[in-house]
Amino acid sequence: MRKQADIRAKAEMRQMSAGGKEPPTDPFTEFEKKAGFKITEDLLPALGNEIALAGSLKLLEGAGPFNIRSRPSARPSPEAGAKEGEEKKESETLPMLLIAVKDREAARRVMPRVLDGLGMGEANLIAQTERRGDVEIVNYAGFFAYAFVGNFLIISQTPSVRRAVDAYLNHQTLASNTVFRNSRRWEPRQNLGEVYFSPAMMEGYHDEIRKQAGTMDPTMRDFILALDPTASAITYALSNEGLGTQHEIHLPKNLIITMVAGISSATKNPPPEANEMIAVSILQMISSAESTYQSTTGKGKYGTLDNLVEAKLVNREFLEKYGYRIEITSSDDQFEAVATPREYGKTGKRSFFVDKSGVVRGDDHGGGPATVADNPIQ
């Protein structure tokens, strides 16, 4: 990081010198100046060579394909070691940063000065120390905290650090979790990085797929409902044993089957919102196809839908597949394409419009066509 910063600083310095301005300060040099110590001499020798980031179910709620819900059955309380009175605070917590430590005393001495280097030195004035077992937590008025737990320095919001310390003292960390240990047996011994998704996190995804079973093909539905409902972990490893970087991920069989079932169900009966997104993409594709047609086969003129299909710039079956009616009107120097729901409310609500400007516009017209007067789609 320091090397890359030096390269950027030198490039900026040349630009500043050419313009007669004062060159900027290297960010690492600025940090060392405020902190009053050298990174390579005072900080790095105290740290180990491992960094970890730990997150909760709440952080992934509604994100990506997992669509995880907040409910007691999906909370990994045995692994997190959370207390009943702190469950409400879970929704407010940030990820935990864990940094391996080689020299705990040296790291303990330098931590307040790290805050100085980050421009947060005033926080040291409100720091309070609390003990839980043999672990000391430095708490900054409940906003954030850090603690030395085992061979790691843990930094996060105060509730997260307290829960991590309690889990460590009660032997409820991942290191003592049988599922975690067993799921990682396949990984190379010399890992550069790894990712672990707990079974509790996967449980939310399985439940969502099972709720869609009624819309699936009967054979697929019966197969999904007959699967072992026990959720398993997902593990990923990054390694390099001399022949190049290797990425490897292990997915449980029942998860792969439920993912395929979910995709199959969505393709068979895509929701209106998905159809609307596809309709926008189709109009963008038509805009690009019209530009290509005008500059090639059309010889300066825009084309009809039949012209674009004949020139193999669009696929008619694809246009008609996702619940929208696509219509194109064209002239020598202009074209307009509109997409309207085939069944308003069922296959989509909004209608869309695009012309040679390439800007897709749209709004809810009760099934009627959109026009150039509609707002652009963001």
Foldseek 3Di string as FASTA:
>chain_A
DQVVLVVVQVVQCVVCVVVVHDGDDRLQVLLCVQLVHHCVPQPVVFFDDDKDKADFLLVCCCHDLLNFDDDPQLGPCLALVADPVCPVVNNVWDIKIKTFGDHVVSNVVSVLSSCRSVVNNVLVVQWDWDDDVPKIWTARVQQKIWICQDRIIIIIGPSSRVSVNSCSVVVNHLVSDPLSVVVCPPPDPDFPDKDKDAQSSNLSRLVVLLVLLVQFDPVLSVVSVPDDSRGHMKMWTWDPPPPDIDIDIDDDPSSVSSVVRVVRSCLVQPFQVVLVVVLLVVLLLLLVLQVVCCVPVVVQWGDFPVVSVVVVSDDPCVNPRQQWDWGKDTDNHKIKIKIFGPDDPRSYFKIWMDMNVSFIFIDGPVRDTDDPPGDTDD
